[in-house]
N, C-alpha and C. Protein backbone atom coordinates (compact mmCIF):
# COMPACT_ATOMS: atom_id res chain seq x y z
N MET A 1 90.99 -53.87 -19.75
CA MET A 1 91.39 -52.03 -20.17
C MET A 1 92.69 -52.04 -19.66
N THR A 2 93.23 -51.59 -19.22
CA THR A 2 94.51 -50.87 -19.09
C THR A 2 94.74 -50.35 -17.87
N THR A 3 95.45 -51.30 -16.39
CA THR A 3 95.29 -49.91 -15.20
C THR A 3 96.08 -48.90 -15.36
N PRO A 4 95.38 -48.15 -14.84
CA PRO A 4 96.63 -47.13 -15.16
C PRO A 4 97.42 -46.98 -14.40
N THR A 5 98.56 -45.92 -14.23
CA THR A 5 100.01 -45.95 -13.93
C THR A 5 100.36 -44.13 -13.64
N GLN A 6 100.46 -44.60 -12.33
CA GLN A 6 101.06 -42.78 -11.90
C GLN A 6 101.94 -43.10 -12.29
N GLN A 7 101.66 -41.23 -12.97
CA GLN A 7 103.25 -40.91 -13.45
C GLN A 7 103.83 -39.84 -12.60
N THR A 8 105.43 -40.18 -12.29
CA THR A 8 105.98 -39.39 -12.08
C THR A 8 105.99 -37.69 -12.02
N SER A 9 106.84 -36.86 -10.95
CA SER A 9 106.91 -35.63 -11.88
C SER A 9 107.36 -35.83 -13.79
N ALA A 10 108.75 -36.23 -13.11
CA ALA A 10 109.48 -36.44 -13.87
C ALA A 10 109.16 -36.83 -15.84
N ALA A 11 108.33 -37.66 -15.77
CA ALA A 11 107.84 -38.79 -16.14
C ALA A 11 106.78 -37.91 -17.56
N LEU A 12 105.61 -37.52 -16.15
CA LEU A 12 105.10 -36.12 -17.01
C LEU A 12 105.34 -35.04 -17.86
N ARG A 13 106.31 -34.19 -16.53
CA ARG A 13 107.54 -33.57 -18.02
C ARG A 13 107.17 -33.69 -19.28
N ALA A 14 107.74 -35.11 -19.15
CA ALA A 14 108.80 -35.53 -20.29
C ALA A 14 107.87 -36.24 -21.30
N GLN A 15 105.98 -36.24 -20.87
CA GLN A 15 105.21 -36.68 -21.83
C GLN A 15 103.93 -35.40 -22.66
N LEU A 16 104.69 -34.28 -21.54
CA LEU A 16 104.37 -32.97 -21.78
C LEU A 16 104.52 -32.34 -22.97
N THR A 17 106.41 -32.68 -22.93
CA THR A 17 106.89 -30.92 -22.95
C THR A 17 107.56 -31.93 -24.95
N ASP A 18 107.10 -33.60 -24.26
CA ASP A 18 107.38 -34.42 -25.85
C ASP A 18 105.93 -34.65 -26.77
N GLY A 19 104.65 -34.00 -26.78
CA GLY A 19 103.94 -33.10 -27.85
C GLY A 19 103.21 -35.14 -27.27
N SER A 20 103.88 -36.29 -26.67
CA SER A 20 103.03 -37.20 -26.28
C SER A 20 101.68 -37.06 -26.48
N LEU A 21 101.57 -35.80 -25.75
CA LEU A 21 100.06 -36.35 -24.51
C LEU A 21 98.79 -34.95 -25.14
N ALA A 22 100.05 -34.72 -26.60
CA ALA A 22 98.57 -32.92 -27.46
C ALA A 22 97.62 -33.53 -27.68
N GLY A 23 96.19 -32.60 -27.88
CA GLY A 23 95.27 -33.35 -28.37
C GLY A 23 95.13 -32.42 -27.08
N SER A 24 93.13 -33.25 -28.27
CA SER A 24 91.62 -32.57 -26.85
C SER A 24 91.64 -34.17 -26.31
N TRP A 25 90.59 -33.48 -24.93
CA TRP A 25 90.76 -34.53 -24.21
C TRP A 25 89.38 -34.52 -23.90
N THR A 26 88.58 -35.83 -23.46
CA THR A 26 87.14 -35.28 -23.32
C THR A 26 86.66 -35.85 -22.56
N LEU A 27 86.79 -35.28 -20.72
CA LEU A 27 86.13 -35.65 -19.44
C LEU A 27 84.58 -37.42 -19.99
N ASP A 28 85.63 -38.73 -18.96
CA ASP A 28 83.74 -39.33 -19.53
C ASP A 28 83.07 -39.52 -18.74
N PRO A 29 81.92 -38.98 -18.17
CA PRO A 29 81.25 -38.82 -16.96
C PRO A 29 80.76 -40.34 -15.96
N ALA A 30 80.44 -41.54 -17.39
CA ALA A 30 80.30 -42.72 -17.09
C ALA A 30 81.80 -42.31 -15.66
N ARG A 31 82.46 -42.57 -15.94
CA ARG A 31 83.49 -43.28 -15.16
C ARG A 31 84.58 -42.56 -14.31
N SER A 32 83.95 -41.84 -14.41
CA SER A 32 84.58 -40.10 -13.77
C SER A 32 83.23 -39.56 -12.40
N THR A 33 83.56 -39.57 -11.08
CA THR A 33 82.81 -38.54 -10.40
C THR A 33 83.56 -37.76 -9.60
N ALA A 34 82.29 -36.80 -8.81
CA ALA A 34 82.77 -35.99 -8.12
C ALA A 34 81.82 -35.83 -6.88
N ALA A 35 82.82 -36.21 -5.25
CA ALA A 35 81.76 -35.86 -4.41
C ALA A 35 81.92 -34.39 -3.47
N LEU A 36 81.31 -34.42 -2.85
CA LEU A 36 81.34 -33.18 -1.74
C LEU A 36 81.09 -33.69 0.02
N ARG A 37 81.86 -33.27 0.80
CA ARG A 37 81.46 -33.34 1.90
C ARG A 37 82.51 -32.04 2.97
N SER A 38 80.77 -31.88 3.78
CA SER A 38 81.04 -30.94 4.51
C SER A 38 80.57 -31.34 5.18
N LYS A 39 80.46 -30.28 7.10
CA LYS A 39 79.98 -30.67 8.33
C LYS A 39 78.64 -30.28 8.20
N SER A 40 77.07 -30.74 9.99
CA SER A 40 76.41 -29.68 10.01
C SER A 40 77.03 -30.44 11.61
N MET A 41 75.42 -29.83 12.58
CA MET A 41 74.98 -29.69 13.62
C MET A 41 76.57 -29.57 14.27
N TRP A 42 77.89 -29.03 13.89
CA TRP A 42 78.04 -28.08 14.72
C TRP A 42 79.39 -28.75 14.73
N GLY A 43 79.92 -29.66 13.51
CA GLY A 43 80.87 -30.01 13.09
C GLY A 43 81.22 -31.70 13.22
N LEU A 44 80.37 -32.04 13.95
CA LEU A 44 79.68 -33.90 13.88
C LEU A 44 79.27 -34.59 13.49
N ALA A 45 78.39 -34.55 12.63
CA ALA A 45 77.47 -34.90 11.89
C ALA A 45 78.40 -34.17 10.36
N PRO A 46 78.53 -35.87 10.09
CA PRO A 46 78.61 -35.01 8.00
C PRO A 46 78.12 -35.38 7.23
N VAL A 47 78.37 -34.46 6.49
CA VAL A 47 76.96 -34.54 5.11
C VAL A 47 78.46 -34.38 3.76
N LYS A 48 77.24 -35.48 3.11
CA LYS A 48 78.19 -35.58 1.74
C LYS A 48 77.12 -36.27 0.43
N GLY A 49 77.66 -35.95 -0.41
CA GLY A 49 76.85 -35.73 -1.77
C GLY A 49 77.10 -35.94 -2.83
N VAL A 50 77.07 -36.89 -3.90
CA VAL A 50 77.41 -36.92 -5.14
C VAL A 50 77.20 -36.18 -6.34
N PHE A 51 77.34 -35.02 -7.48
CA PHE A 51 77.43 -35.19 -8.04
C PHE A 51 77.38 -35.64 -9.23
N ARG A 52 75.48 -35.81 -9.74
CA ARG A 52 75.93 -37.41 -10.88
C ARG A 52 75.08 -36.68 -12.19
N ASP A 53 75.78 -35.20 -12.36
CA ASP A 53 76.52 -34.81 -13.34
C ASP A 53 76.71 -34.22 -13.27
N LEU A 54 78.21 -34.02 -14.49
CA LEU A 54 79.73 -33.57 -14.74
C LEU A 54 79.61 -33.71 -16.21
N GLU A 55 80.60 -32.99 -15.95
CA GLU A 55 80.98 -32.86 -17.79
C GLU A 55 82.09 -31.64 -17.76
N GLY A 56 83.52 -31.89 -18.85
CA GLY A 56 84.62 -31.47 -19.07
C GLY A 56 85.33 -31.54 -20.20
N SER A 57 86.45 -31.09 -20.45
CA SER A 57 86.89 -31.74 -21.90
C SER A 57 88.02 -30.51 -21.03
N GLY A 58 89.36 -31.34 -22.30
CA GLY A 58 90.89 -30.32 -21.75
C GLY A 58 91.93 -30.20 -23.41
N THR A 59 92.69 -29.72 -23.00
CA THR A 59 93.98 -29.83 -24.51
C THR A 59 95.28 -29.63 -24.48
N VAL A 60 95.74 -30.19 -24.29
CA VAL A 60 97.17 -30.55 -23.71
C VAL A 60 97.72 -30.01 -25.15
N SER A 61 98.10 -29.13 -25.74
CA SER A 61 98.87 -28.53 -26.75
C SER A 61 100.97 -29.18 -27.10
N ALA A 62 101.21 -28.97 -27.77
CA ALA A 62 102.37 -29.39 -28.46
C ALA A 62 103.46 -28.94 -27.75
N ALA A 63 103.54 -28.38 -26.72
CA ALA A 63 104.57 -26.87 -26.21
C ALA A 63 104.61 -28.09 -24.76
N GLY A 64 102.87 -28.66 -24.78
CA GLY A 64 102.63 -29.11 -23.21
C GLY A 64 102.21 -28.74 -22.76
N GLU A 65 101.88 -27.87 -22.73
CA GLU A 65 100.35 -26.50 -21.69
C GLU A 65 98.93 -27.61 -21.99
N VAL A 66 98.71 -26.98 -20.33
CA VAL A 66 97.19 -27.35 -20.11
C VAL A 66 96.64 -26.53 -20.58
N THR A 67 95.26 -26.48 -21.00
CA THR A 67 93.64 -25.82 -20.19
C THR A 67 92.23 -26.62 -20.09
N GLY A 68 91.43 -26.66 -19.88
CA GLY A 68 90.63 -27.38 -19.69
C GLY A 68 89.15 -26.75 -19.30
N SER A 69 88.71 -27.17 -18.56
CA SER A 69 87.32 -27.38 -17.22
C SER A 69 86.51 -28.45 -17.78
N ILE A 70 85.59 -28.03 -15.81
CA ILE A 70 85.07 -29.17 -15.14
C ILE A 70 83.85 -28.26 -14.47
N ALA A 71 83.18 -28.62 -15.17
CA ALA A 71 81.46 -28.09 -14.82
C ALA A 71 80.49 -29.40 -13.82
N LEU A 72 80.08 -28.80 -13.08
CA LEU A 72 79.57 -29.93 -11.63
C LEU A 72 77.54 -28.94 -11.88
N ALA A 73 76.94 -29.79 -12.06
CA ALA A 73 75.74 -29.51 -12.45
C ALA A 73 75.45 -29.63 -10.84
N THR A 74 74.90 -28.18 -10.29
CA THR A 74 74.35 -27.88 -9.21
C THR A 74 73.14 -28.54 -8.66
N GLY A 75 72.13 -29.20 -9.74
CA GLY A 75 71.07 -29.57 -9.10
C GLY A 75 70.51 -30.99 -10.07
N SER A 76 72.24 -31.41 -9.79
CA SER A 76 72.26 -33.19 -10.08
C SER A 76 73.40 -33.18 -7.70
N LEU A 77 73.29 -32.73 -7.39
CA LEU A 77 74.30 -32.86 -6.09
C LEU A 77 72.50 -33.70 -5.67
N ASP A 78 72.99 -34.84 -5.71
CA ASP A 78 72.13 -35.82 -4.46
C ASP A 78 73.29 -36.25 -2.47
N THR A 79 72.34 -35.77 -1.91
CA THR A 79 72.47 -35.60 -0.23
C THR A 79 71.69 -37.15 0.18
N LYS A 80 71.35 -37.99 -0.76
CA LYS A 80 70.52 -38.97 -0.56
C LYS A 80 68.89 -37.98 0.51
N ASN A 81 69.33 -37.17 0.78
CA ASN A 81 68.10 -36.84 1.41
C ASN A 81 66.98 -35.49 0.56
N THR A 82 66.00 -35.58 0.75
CA THR A 82 65.73 -34.93 -0.65
C THR A 82 64.66 -34.02 -0.18
N LYS A 83 65.05 -33.61 1.66
CA LYS A 83 64.48 -31.92 1.85
C LYS A 83 65.58 -31.56 1.24
N ARG A 84 66.76 -32.00 2.54
CA ARG A 84 68.77 -31.56 2.35
C ARG A 84 68.43 -31.11 1.03
N ASP A 85 68.45 -32.00 -0.13
CA ASP A 85 69.47 -31.38 -1.30
C ASP A 85 67.71 -30.26 -2.84
N THR A 86 66.81 -30.76 -2.33
CA THR A 86 66.02 -29.30 -2.59
C THR A 86 66.62 -27.40 -2.16
N HIS A 87 66.97 -27.90 -0.16
CA HIS A 87 67.40 -26.47 -0.03
C HIS A 87 68.90 -26.72 -0.20
N LEU A 88 69.35 -27.80 -0.75
CA LEU A 88 71.10 -26.70 -1.39
C LEU A 88 71.28 -26.33 -2.68
N ARG A 89 69.53 -27.09 -3.53
CA ARG A 89 69.27 -26.00 -5.09
C ARG A 89 69.32 -24.50 -4.76
N SER A 90 68.48 -24.19 -3.94
CA SER A 90 68.04 -23.43 -3.14
C SER A 90 68.53 -21.73 -3.48
N ALA A 91 67.93 -20.51 -2.99
CA ALA A 91 69.40 -18.96 -2.68
C ALA A 91 69.57 -19.12 -1.91
N ASP A 92 69.49 -19.55 -0.83
CA ASP A 92 70.48 -20.39 0.70
C ASP A 92 71.75 -20.34 -0.14
N PHE A 93 71.77 -21.76 -1.14
CA PHE A 93 72.98 -22.09 -1.70
C PHE A 93 73.28 -21.94 -2.90
N PHE A 94 73.11 -22.52 -3.93
CA PHE A 94 73.73 -23.38 -5.47
C PHE A 94 72.96 -22.17 -6.20
N LEU A 95 71.21 -22.02 -6.08
CA LEU A 95 70.35 -20.65 -6.43
C LEU A 95 70.41 -22.30 -8.38
N SER A 96 69.87 -22.83 -8.54
CA SER A 96 70.56 -24.03 -9.59
C SER A 96 70.12 -22.89 -10.61
N GLU A 97 68.44 -22.71 -10.58
CA GLU A 97 68.04 -22.78 -11.52
C GLU A 97 67.63 -21.53 -12.68
N LYS A 98 68.94 -20.76 -11.60
CA LYS A 98 70.21 -19.45 -11.99
C LYS A 98 71.45 -20.14 -12.06
N TYR A 99 71.59 -20.33 -11.97
CA TYR A 99 73.53 -20.47 -12.28
C TYR A 99 73.54 -22.20 -11.64
N PRO A 100 73.39 -22.94 -13.27
CA PRO A 100 73.44 -24.48 -12.64
C PRO A 100 74.05 -25.44 -13.33
N ALA A 101 75.82 -24.67 -12.75
CA ALA A 101 76.51 -25.08 -12.69
C ALA A 101 77.77 -25.01 -11.94
N ILE A 102 78.47 -25.48 -11.34
CA ILE A 102 79.94 -25.36 -10.63
C ILE A 102 80.80 -25.38 -11.57
N THR A 103 81.41 -24.76 -11.65
CA THR A 103 82.97 -24.62 -13.32
C THR A 103 84.02 -24.68 -12.00
N PHE A 104 84.86 -25.13 -12.75
CA PHE A 104 86.53 -25.45 -12.61
C PHE A 104 87.11 -24.43 -14.37
N SER A 105 88.26 -23.99 -14.31
CA SER A 105 88.76 -23.85 -15.16
C SER A 105 90.10 -23.51 -15.12
N VAL A 106 91.40 -24.89 -15.81
CA VAL A 106 91.90 -25.24 -15.96
C VAL A 106 93.21 -23.63 -16.17
N GLY A 107 94.00 -23.29 -15.84
CA GLY A 107 95.08 -21.65 -16.10
C GLY A 107 96.24 -22.64 -16.17
N THR A 108 97.01 -22.92 -15.62
CA THR A 108 98.22 -24.13 -15.48
C THR A 108 98.04 -25.50 -15.06
N LEU A 109 98.98 -26.20 -15.69
CA LEU A 109 99.24 -27.78 -14.51
C LEU A 109 100.58 -27.95 -14.90
N VAL A 110 101.33 -27.92 -14.03
CA VAL A 110 102.57 -28.00 -13.62
C VAL A 110 102.76 -28.82 -12.89
N PRO A 111 103.51 -30.31 -13.79
CA PRO A 111 104.65 -31.34 -12.41
C PRO A 111 104.67 -31.19 -11.37
N ALA A 112 104.26 -31.38 -10.36
CA ALA A 112 105.08 -31.22 -8.64
C ALA A 112 105.37 -32.28 -8.51
N SER A 113 106.88 -32.34 -7.70
CA SER A 113 107.05 -33.71 -6.82
C SER A 113 106.00 -34.55 -5.90
N GLU A 114 104.64 -34.48 -6.22
CA GLU A 114 103.88 -35.78 -5.77
C GLU A 114 103.03 -35.74 -6.79
N GLY A 115 103.28 -35.08 -8.14
CA GLY A 115 101.77 -34.92 -9.19
C GLY A 115 102.47 -33.25 -9.92
N VAL A 116 101.36 -33.54 -10.00
CA VAL A 116 100.92 -31.37 -10.54
C VAL A 116 100.11 -30.53 -9.57
N THR A 117 100.23 -29.65 -9.96
CA THR A 117 99.84 -28.93 -9.41
C THR A 117 98.82 -28.16 -10.02
N ILE A 118 98.10 -27.48 -10.36
CA ILE A 118 96.52 -26.91 -10.56
C ILE A 118 96.48 -25.53 -10.46
N SER A 119 96.04 -24.23 -11.20
CA SER A 119 95.59 -23.55 -11.14
C SER A 119 94.82 -23.37 -11.77
N GLY A 120 93.81 -22.43 -11.55
CA GLY A 120 92.14 -22.28 -12.46
C GLY A 120 91.14 -21.12 -12.14
N THR A 121 90.50 -20.72 -12.11
CA THR A 121 89.62 -19.60 -11.65
C THR A 121 88.57 -21.26 -10.88
N LEU A 122 87.95 -21.05 -9.85
CA LEU A 122 86.51 -22.14 -9.07
C LEU A 122 85.40 -20.69 -9.57
N THR A 123 84.14 -20.79 -10.23
CA THR A 123 83.15 -20.39 -9.96
C THR A 123 82.38 -20.98 -9.54
N VAL A 124 81.33 -20.81 -8.24
CA VAL A 124 80.57 -20.73 -8.47
C VAL A 124 79.14 -19.30 -7.77
N ARG A 125 78.12 -20.48 -8.44
CA ARG A 125 76.57 -18.69 -8.43
C ARG A 125 77.91 -17.92 -9.09
N ASP A 126 78.09 -16.47 -9.14
CA ASP A 126 78.14 -14.92 -9.71
C ASP A 126 79.98 -14.80 -9.43
N ARG A 127 79.85 -16.15 -8.40
CA ARG A 127 82.06 -15.08 -8.08
C ARG A 127 82.99 -16.29 -8.45
N SER A 128 83.62 -15.73 -9.20
CA SER A 128 85.20 -16.58 -9.92
C SER A 128 86.61 -15.74 -9.02
N LEU A 129 87.01 -17.14 -8.62
CA LEU A 129 87.70 -17.10 -7.71
C LEU A 129 88.89 -17.90 -7.81
N PRO A 130 90.59 -17.54 -7.58
CA PRO A 130 91.72 -18.07 -8.50
C PRO A 130 92.03 -19.77 -7.29
N ILE A 131 92.70 -20.22 -7.71
CA ILE A 131 92.59 -21.59 -6.71
C ILE A 131 93.80 -22.42 -7.30
N SER A 132 94.02 -23.41 -6.77
CA SER A 132 95.36 -24.06 -6.94
C SER A 132 95.10 -24.91 -5.68
N PHE A 133 95.73 -26.45 -6.66
CA PHE A 133 95.22 -27.56 -5.71
C PHE A 133 96.65 -28.66 -6.32
N PRO A 134 96.82 -29.08 -5.25
CA PRO A 134 97.34 -31.07 -5.91
C PRO A 134 96.77 -31.77 -6.91
N ALA A 135 97.15 -32.95 -7.72
CA ALA A 135 96.04 -33.38 -8.11
C ALA A 135 97.87 -34.44 -8.82
N THR A 136 96.75 -36.02 -7.80
CA THR A 136 98.02 -36.52 -8.89
C THR A 136 97.70 -37.38 -10.64
N VAL A 137 98.16 -38.25 -11.08
CA VAL A 137 98.51 -37.64 -12.45
C VAL A 137 98.35 -39.70 -12.64
N ALA A 138 97.14 -39.98 -14.01
CA ALA A 138 97.37 -41.86 -13.89
C ALA A 138 97.37 -41.62 -15.06
N LEU A 139 98.19 -42.58 -16.19
CA LEU A 139 98.00 -42.87 -17.28
C LEU A 139 97.81 -44.88 -17.74
N ALA A 140 96.51 -44.47 -18.47
CA ALA A 140 95.78 -46.01 -18.97
C ALA A 140 96.74 -45.96 -20.07
N SER A 141 96.56 -45.49 -20.84
CA SER A 141 96.63 -45.51 -22.53
C SER A 141 97.72 -44.34 -22.15
N ASP A 142 97.77 -43.94 -23.72
CA ASP A 142 97.84 -42.64 -24.80
C ASP A 142 96.63 -41.87 -24.75
N SER A 143 96.14 -42.67 -24.77
CA SER A 143 94.42 -42.07 -25.21
C SER A 143 93.37 -41.76 -23.50
N GLU A 144 93.98 -42.53 -22.63
CA GLU A 144 93.14 -42.62 -21.03
C GLU A 144 93.96 -41.57 -19.62
N VAL A 145 93.62 -40.70 -19.56
CA VAL A 145 94.38 -39.82 -18.77
C VAL A 145 92.99 -39.55 -16.88
N VAL A 146 94.19 -40.86 -16.02
CA VAL A 146 93.22 -39.46 -14.96
C VAL A 146 93.84 -39.20 -13.30
N LEU A 147 93.01 -38.23 -13.21
CA LEU A 147 92.86 -37.10 -12.32
C LEU A 147 92.17 -36.89 -11.06
N ASP A 148 92.73 -37.41 -10.09
CA ASP A 148 92.57 -36.74 -8.77
C ASP A 148 92.90 -36.04 -8.05
N ALA A 149 92.25 -35.20 -7.40
CA ALA A 149 92.17 -34.31 -6.18
C ALA A 149 91.33 -34.43 -5.86
N THR A 150 92.10 -34.06 -4.99
CA THR A 150 90.64 -33.64 -2.87
C THR A 150 91.33 -31.98 -3.31
N VAL A 151 90.21 -31.63 -2.54
CA VAL A 151 90.00 -29.05 -2.83
C VAL A 151 89.36 -28.89 -1.94
N GLN A 152 89.48 -28.51 -0.63
CA GLN A 152 89.08 -27.16 0.02
C GLN A 152 88.84 -26.04 -0.68
N VAL A 153 86.74 -25.78 -0.37
CA VAL A 153 87.03 -24.52 -0.59
C VAL A 153 86.48 -23.94 0.98
N ASP A 154 86.64 -23.09 1.03
CA ASP A 154 85.37 -21.92 2.60
C ASP A 154 84.35 -21.09 1.25
N ARG A 155 83.24 -21.72 1.38
CA ARG A 155 81.75 -21.59 1.09
C ARG A 155 81.72 -20.00 1.09
N SER A 156 81.81 -19.44 2.20
CA SER A 156 81.56 -18.10 3.13
C SER A 156 82.14 -17.36 1.74
N GLU A 157 83.20 -16.93 0.84
CA GLU A 157 84.22 -16.83 0.16
C GLU A 157 83.58 -17.27 -1.36
N PHE A 158 82.11 -17.63 -1.34
CA PHE A 158 81.48 -17.60 -2.38
C PHE A 158 80.16 -17.12 -1.98
N GLY A 159 79.84 -16.48 -1.40
CA GLY A 159 78.36 -16.14 -0.86
C GLY A 159 77.07 -16.68 -0.74
N LEU A 160 78.06 -18.19 -0.02
CA LEU A 160 76.76 -19.35 0.36
C LEU A 160 77.22 -19.50 1.86
N THR A 161 76.47 -18.37 2.28
CA THR A 161 76.77 -18.11 4.45
C THR A 161 75.48 -18.74 4.70
N TRP A 162 74.39 -19.37 4.24
CA TRP A 162 73.42 -19.68 4.96
C TRP A 162 74.07 -20.31 6.65
N ASN A 163 73.79 -20.35 7.12
CA ASN A 163 73.98 -20.74 9.20
C ASN A 163 72.95 -21.21 9.52
N GLN A 164 72.09 -21.91 9.73
CA GLN A 164 71.29 -21.44 11.41
C GLN A 164 71.69 -21.96 11.60
N LEU A 165 71.60 -21.87 13.09
CA LEU A 165 72.93 -21.17 14.04
C LEU A 165 73.98 -22.04 14.26
N GLY A 166 74.47 -21.83 13.70
CA GLY A 166 75.70 -22.08 13.48
C GLY A 166 75.91 -22.49 13.24
N MET A 167 75.52 -24.13 12.60
CA MET A 167 75.92 -25.26 12.84
C MET A 167 75.81 -25.77 11.71
N ALA A 168 76.03 -25.36 10.96
CA ALA A 168 76.70 -25.80 9.47
C ALA A 168 78.28 -25.45 9.06
N SER A 169 79.25 -25.96 8.74
CA SER A 169 80.60 -25.59 8.56
C SER A 169 80.62 -25.00 7.02
N MET A 170 81.33 -23.53 7.02
CA MET A 170 82.04 -22.70 6.55
C MET A 170 83.03 -23.60 5.16
N ASN A 171 84.04 -24.40 5.66
CA ASN A 171 84.34 -25.52 5.04
C ASN A 171 83.53 -26.78 4.31
N SER A 172 83.66 -26.58 2.69
CA SER A 172 83.48 -28.26 1.71
C SER A 172 84.85 -29.18 1.37
N THR A 173 85.09 -29.53 1.24
CA THR A 173 85.10 -30.54 0.28
C THR A 173 84.84 -31.49 -0.88
N ILE A 174 86.05 -30.78 -1.71
CA ILE A 174 85.11 -31.88 -2.89
C ILE A 174 85.96 -32.99 -3.25
N THR A 175 85.76 -33.71 -3.84
CA THR A 175 86.85 -35.43 -3.92
C THR A 175 86.11 -35.57 -6.16
N ILE A 176 87.81 -35.03 -6.67
CA ILE A 176 87.45 -35.77 -8.35
C ILE A 176 88.11 -36.26 -8.40
N HIS A 177 86.71 -37.77 -9.39
CA HIS A 177 88.41 -38.98 -9.53
C HIS A 177 87.58 -38.47 -11.86
N ALA A 178 88.63 -37.74 -11.85
CA ALA A 178 87.89 -36.96 -13.44
C ALA A 178 89.59 -38.19 -14.38
N VAL A 179 88.34 -38.66 -15.47
CA VAL A 179 88.77 -39.67 -16.49
C VAL A 179 88.79 -39.14 -18.11
N PHE A 180 89.58 -38.54 -18.31
CA PHE A 180 90.05 -37.83 -20.19
C PHE A 180 90.18 -39.35 -20.75
N THR A 181 89.71 -39.14 -22.00
CA THR A 181 90.04 -39.91 -22.75
C THR A 181 90.44 -39.27 -24.15
N LYS A 182 90.57 -39.52 -24.66
CA LYS A 182 91.55 -39.12 -26.12
C LYS A 182 90.54 -38.69 -27.32
N SER A 183 90.01 -37.32 -27.92
CA SER A 183 89.15 -36.96 -28.74
C SER A 183 89.96 -37.30 -30.23
């Protein structure tokens, strides 16, 4: 397996426009991770969890335009605390039975000074909002791309406002390590 090489903005722009990355790409869930971090107990105790089930795909056009999506199964969030995980799947938070996934759909991917800026739509439960964030891109080969990003989300913007005694932060951090292979 080849070690991924982080791409500069100029190198990535060239690969997108010369068509070498054109085609369909599929997320490799075995090598990809999505983690959630928030704070409770008035900001003193971090709550960390991992989404055990994620999927995604993307397409790069011959002109270098990128589209795609990533879905995180809300019922797969594992914080290593069964009671808390059950609560997170309830109507107070994700309502996993009715809304089984958090999805992000890519609108644009633009090379930037330190990697790329990704813009698109984040959907949690029944609310979809535009969001942009920086990411790094690394190529292991012509058939493997790795995206790494850290995204800050205010969960209250998505209607997730449960907060017993004001103990939990509304701000959450989602960290994504997404390995895509060319289909």
